[in-house]
Structure formats: C-alpha cells, structure tokens
Amino acid sequence: MLALQHWLEAIDPRHCYGQNLQFYYDKWLHCQSEQPFFYWLDVGEGKGVDLVEECPRVKLQQQCIKYLGLLERTTYEVVVEDGKFIY
C-alpha cells in the first residue's frame, strides 16, 4: 500500500516530490479550506502559502518527478543475462 505522500505525488499533475507535498497537504488539512487540495495549492487560497521552515515553495516547484513512458523507459532498461546486468 502506498503511503499518502506517494499517492499525492502520483496524482499531482506536476508530480511534485511527495515528501514535499506532504507538508502542504498537512497545512491544507488544518486550514479547513473547502477547496480541493491541488486547486488550493496551485490557484486557490493556498497559492501564496510558503512553508519556508519545512519546504520552501521554490523547492516544492523545482523538485518534481518525471514519469517515463514506455518508449522513454527503454533507454534505461537493464536486463539480466547469465547472472550479469546488461545495460
């Protein structure tokens, strides 16, 4: 079962790093906003929130995960032949 931070990362349209997103998600939970989390974060009431101590917004925006498509993954594929990793 994926931890919450990994679900957040996977469903985030920009795929911000989940551990960073978790700080903002916790802030959103405690502010009792009626806006959905990602709307709150990107364009809503939380757009100006900058958690400098935990995760500055610039870090949140810079540390994103790139999910590779099927063709992109082939560049990094490693196979095992005769007990050896072949790149």
N, C-alpha and C. Protein backbone atom coordinates (compact mmCIF):
# COMPACT_ATOMS: atom_id res chain seq x y z
N MET A 1 0.84 -1.18 0.00
CA MET A 1 0.00 0.00 0.00
C MET A 1 0.89 1.24 0.00
N LEU A 2 0.61 2.13 -0.90
CA LEU A 2 1.42 3.34 -1.00
C LEU A 2 1.12 4.29 0.15
N ALA A 3 2.15 4.92 0.66
CA ALA A 3 1.98 5.94 1.68
C ALA A 3 1.31 7.16 1.04
N LEU A 4 0.65 7.97 1.87
CA LEU A 4 -0.07 9.14 1.38
C LEU A 4 0.81 10.02 0.51
N GLN A 5 2.05 10.25 0.92
CA GLN A 5 2.91 11.16 0.15
C GLN A 5 3.15 10.64 -1.26
N HIS A 6 3.18 9.32 -1.44
CA HIS A 6 3.40 8.77 -2.78
C HIS A 6 2.13 8.88 -3.64
N TRP A 7 0.97 8.75 -3.01
CA TRP A 7 -0.28 8.95 -3.74
C TRP A 7 -0.38 10.40 -4.19
N LEU A 8 -0.02 11.31 -3.29
CA LEU A 8 -0.07 12.73 -3.65
C LEU A 8 0.82 13.00 -4.86
N GLU A 9 2.02 12.44 -4.83
CA GLU A 9 2.96 12.63 -5.94
C GLU A 9 2.41 12.06 -7.24
N ALA A 10 1.81 10.89 -7.16
CA ALA A 10 1.31 10.22 -8.36
C ALA A 10 0.13 10.96 -8.99
N ILE A 11 -0.75 11.53 -8.16
CA ILE A 11 -1.93 12.20 -8.72
C ILE A 11 -1.72 13.68 -8.97
N ASP A 12 -0.61 14.23 -8.51
CA ASP A 12 -0.30 15.63 -8.77
C ASP A 12 -0.01 15.81 -10.26
N PRO A 13 -0.70 16.72 -10.93
CA PRO A 13 -0.45 16.92 -12.37
C PRO A 13 1.01 17.28 -12.67
N ARG A 14 1.69 17.93 -11.72
CA ARG A 14 3.10 18.30 -11.95
C ARG A 14 4.06 17.29 -11.32
N HIS A 15 3.54 16.32 -10.60
CA HIS A 15 4.32 15.27 -9.94
C HIS A 15 5.42 15.84 -9.04
N CYS A 16 5.03 16.81 -8.21
CA CYS A 16 5.96 17.32 -7.21
C CYS A 16 6.34 16.17 -6.28
N TYR A 17 7.55 16.24 -5.75
CA TYR A 17 8.06 15.20 -4.87
C TYR A 17 7.12 15.03 -3.68
N GLY A 18 6.68 13.80 -3.42
CA GLY A 18 5.66 13.50 -2.43
C GLY A 18 5.97 13.95 -1.03
N GLN A 19 7.22 13.82 -0.62
CA GLN A 19 7.59 14.24 0.74
C GLN A 19 7.39 15.74 0.91
N ASN A 20 7.69 16.50 -0.12
CA ASN A 20 7.48 17.96 -0.08
C ASN A 20 5.98 18.28 -0.08
N LEU A 21 5.24 17.59 -0.92
CA LEU A 21 3.79 17.81 -1.00
C LEU A 21 3.10 17.54 0.33
N GLN A 22 3.63 16.58 1.09
CA GLN A 22 3.02 16.20 2.36
C GLN A 22 2.93 17.39 3.31
N PHE A 23 3.94 18.25 3.34
CA PHE A 23 3.93 19.43 4.21
C PHE A 23 2.76 20.35 3.86
N TYR A 24 2.55 20.56 2.56
CA TYR A 24 1.48 21.44 2.10
C TYR A 24 0.11 20.78 2.29
N TYR A 25 0.05 19.48 2.13
CA TYR A 25 -1.19 18.75 2.35
C TYR A 25 -1.62 18.88 3.82
N ASP A 26 -0.66 18.73 4.73
CA ASP A 26 -0.96 18.87 6.16
C ASP A 26 -1.46 20.28 6.47
N LYS A 27 -0.85 21.28 5.86
CA LYS A 27 -1.28 22.67 6.04
C LYS A 27 -2.71 22.84 5.53
N TRP A 28 -3.00 22.26 4.36
CA TRP A 28 -4.34 22.34 3.78
C TRP A 28 -5.38 21.68 4.69
N LEU A 29 -5.03 20.52 5.25
CA LEU A 29 -5.96 19.83 6.14
C LEU A 29 -6.33 20.69 7.35
N HIS A 30 -5.35 21.38 7.91
CA HIS A 30 -5.57 22.16 9.12
C HIS A 30 -6.19 23.54 8.87
N CYS A 31 -6.18 23.99 7.63
CA CYS A 31 -6.78 25.31 7.35
C CYS A 31 -8.28 25.20 7.08
N GLN A 32 -8.78 24.00 6.97
CA GLN A 32 -10.21 23.72 6.78
C GLN A 32 -10.79 24.40 5.54
N SER A 33 -10.01 24.48 4.50
CA SER A 33 -10.48 25.04 3.24
C SER A 33 -11.49 24.09 2.61
N GLU A 34 -12.44 24.64 1.90
CA GLU A 34 -13.39 23.81 1.16
C GLU A 34 -12.92 23.55 -0.27
N GLN A 35 -11.78 24.13 -0.63
CA GLN A 35 -11.23 23.91 -1.97
C GLN A 35 -10.49 22.58 -2.01
N PRO A 36 -10.56 21.87 -3.14
CA PRO A 36 -9.77 20.64 -3.29
C PRO A 36 -8.28 20.98 -3.15
N PHE A 37 -7.52 20.01 -2.65
CA PHE A 37 -6.11 20.26 -2.32
C PHE A 37 -5.31 20.88 -3.45
N PHE A 38 -5.28 20.27 -4.63
CA PHE A 38 -4.42 20.78 -5.70
C PHE A 38 -4.89 22.14 -6.23
N TYR A 39 -6.17 22.37 -6.21
CA TYR A 39 -6.68 23.70 -6.58
C TYR A 39 -6.22 24.71 -5.54
N TRP A 40 -6.39 24.37 -4.27
CA TRP A 40 -5.95 25.24 -3.17
C TRP A 40 -4.47 25.58 -3.32
N LEU A 41 -3.67 24.57 -3.61
CA LEU A 41 -2.22 24.73 -3.69
C LEU A 41 -1.77 25.58 -4.87
N ASP A 42 -2.38 25.37 -6.03
CA ASP A 42 -1.89 26.00 -7.26
C ASP A 42 -2.55 27.32 -7.63
N VAL A 43 -3.86 27.45 -7.37
CA VAL A 43 -4.55 28.67 -7.80
C VAL A 43 -5.47 29.25 -6.74
N GLY A 44 -5.74 28.50 -5.70
CA GLY A 44 -6.71 28.93 -4.70
C GLY A 44 -6.10 29.65 -3.52
N GLU A 45 -6.74 29.47 -2.38
CA GLU A 45 -6.37 30.16 -1.15
C GLU A 45 -4.94 29.86 -0.69
N GLY A 46 -4.41 28.71 -1.06
CA GLY A 46 -3.06 28.32 -0.63
C GLY A 46 -1.96 28.71 -1.58
N LYS A 47 -2.31 29.37 -2.67
CA LYS A 47 -1.31 29.73 -3.68
C LYS A 47 -0.15 30.53 -3.10
N GLY A 48 -0.44 31.38 -2.13
CA GLY A 48 0.60 32.21 -1.53
C GLY A 48 1.27 31.60 -0.32
N VAL A 49 0.86 30.38 0.06
CA VAL A 49 1.46 29.73 1.23
C VAL A 49 2.87 29.29 0.88
N ASP A 50 3.81 29.65 1.73
CA ASP A 50 5.21 29.26 1.55
C ASP A 50 5.71 28.73 2.88
N LEU A 51 5.88 27.43 2.98
CA LEU A 51 6.33 26.80 4.22
C LEU A 51 7.85 26.81 4.26
N VAL A 52 8.40 27.96 4.55
CA VAL A 52 9.84 28.19 4.48
C VAL A 52 10.62 27.23 5.38
N GLU A 53 10.11 26.97 6.57
CA GLU A 53 10.82 26.08 7.50
C GLU A 53 10.82 24.63 7.02
N GLU A 54 9.65 24.13 6.61
CA GLU A 54 9.53 22.73 6.24
C GLU A 54 9.95 22.45 4.80
N CYS A 55 9.44 23.27 3.88
CA CYS A 55 9.72 23.09 2.45
C CYS A 55 9.35 24.37 1.72
N PRO A 56 10.32 25.21 1.41
CA PRO A 56 10.01 26.43 0.67
C PRO A 56 9.30 26.11 -0.64
N ARG A 57 8.40 26.98 -1.03
CA ARG A 57 7.61 26.75 -2.25
C ARG A 57 8.51 26.57 -3.47
N VAL A 58 9.61 27.29 -3.53
CA VAL A 58 10.51 27.15 -4.69
C VAL A 58 11.05 25.72 -4.75
N LYS A 59 11.33 25.12 -3.62
CA LYS A 59 11.80 23.73 -3.58
C LYS A 59 10.68 22.79 -4.03
N LEU A 60 9.45 23.06 -3.57
CA LEU A 60 8.30 22.26 -3.97
C LEU A 60 8.16 22.26 -5.49
N GLN A 61 8.31 23.42 -6.10
CA GLN A 61 8.11 23.57 -7.53
C GLN A 61 9.28 23.03 -8.36
N GLN A 62 10.46 23.01 -7.78
CA GLN A 62 11.64 22.56 -8.52
C GLN A 62 11.84 21.05 -8.46
N GLN A 63 11.48 20.44 -7.34
CA GLN A 63 11.71 19.01 -7.17
C GLN A 63 10.49 18.21 -7.61
N CYS A 64 10.47 17.90 -8.89
CA CYS A 64 9.37 17.14 -9.47
C CYS A 64 9.91 15.81 -10.02
N ILE A 65 9.03 14.83 -10.06
CA ILE A 65 9.39 13.51 -10.54
C ILE A 65 8.95 13.39 -12.00
N LYS A 66 9.83 12.85 -12.82
CA LYS A 66 9.48 12.63 -14.21
C LYS A 66 9.15 11.15 -14.39
N TYR A 67 7.91 10.89 -14.74
CA TYR A 67 7.48 9.53 -15.02
C TYR A 67 7.74 9.26 -16.50
N LEU A 68 8.43 8.17 -16.78
CA LEU A 68 8.80 7.85 -18.15
C LEU A 68 7.74 6.98 -18.82
N GLY A 69 7.50 7.26 -20.07
CA GLY A 69 6.60 6.45 -20.87
C GLY A 69 7.31 5.19 -21.33
N LEU A 70 6.57 4.33 -21.99
CA LEU A 70 7.11 3.05 -22.45
C LEU A 70 8.36 3.22 -23.31
N LEU A 71 8.32 4.11 -24.28
CA LEU A 71 9.47 4.32 -25.15
C LEU A 71 10.64 4.96 -24.41
N GLU A 72 10.34 5.87 -23.51
CA GLU A 72 11.41 6.54 -22.74
C GLU A 72 12.12 5.55 -21.82
N ARG A 73 11.39 4.59 -21.28
CA ARG A 73 11.98 3.62 -20.35
C ARG A 73 13.00 2.71 -21.03
N THR A 74 12.85 2.47 -22.32
CA THR A 74 13.76 1.55 -23.00
C THR A 74 15.20 2.06 -22.96
N THR A 75 15.38 3.36 -22.91
CA THR A 75 16.73 3.93 -22.83
C THR A 75 17.45 3.50 -21.56
N TYR A 76 16.71 3.23 -20.50
CA TYR A 76 17.28 2.91 -19.19
C TYR A 76 17.13 1.44 -18.82
N GLU A 77 16.65 0.63 -19.75
CA GLU A 77 16.36 -0.76 -19.46
C GLU A 77 17.64 -1.55 -19.17
N VAL A 78 17.58 -2.34 -18.13
CA VAL A 78 18.67 -3.23 -17.75
C VAL A 78 18.10 -4.65 -17.73
N VAL A 79 18.81 -5.57 -18.36
CA VAL A 79 18.37 -6.97 -18.38
C VAL A 79 19.44 -7.82 -17.72
N VAL A 80 19.03 -9.00 -17.26
CA VAL A 80 19.98 -9.93 -16.65
C VAL A 80 20.24 -11.06 -17.63
N GLU A 81 21.51 -11.24 -17.98
CA GLU A 81 21.94 -12.34 -18.86
C GLU A 81 23.09 -13.06 -18.20
N ASP A 82 22.93 -14.36 -18.02
CA ASP A 82 23.98 -15.17 -17.38
C ASP A 82 24.39 -14.59 -16.03
N GLY A 83 23.42 -14.10 -15.27
CA GLY A 83 23.69 -13.58 -13.94
C GLY A 83 24.35 -12.21 -13.92
N LYS A 84 24.42 -11.55 -15.07
CA LYS A 84 25.04 -10.22 -15.14
C LYS A 84 24.01 -9.20 -15.61
N PHE A 85 24.14 -8.00 -15.09
CA PHE A 85 23.29 -6.91 -15.53
C PHE A 85 23.85 -6.35 -16.83
N ILE A 86 23.02 -6.24 -17.84
CA ILE A 86 23.43 -5.72 -19.15
C ILE A 86 22.64 -4.45 -19.40
N TYR A 87 23.37 -3.39 -19.66
CA TYR A 87 22.76 -2.08 -19.91
C TYR A 87 22.87 -1.75 -21.37
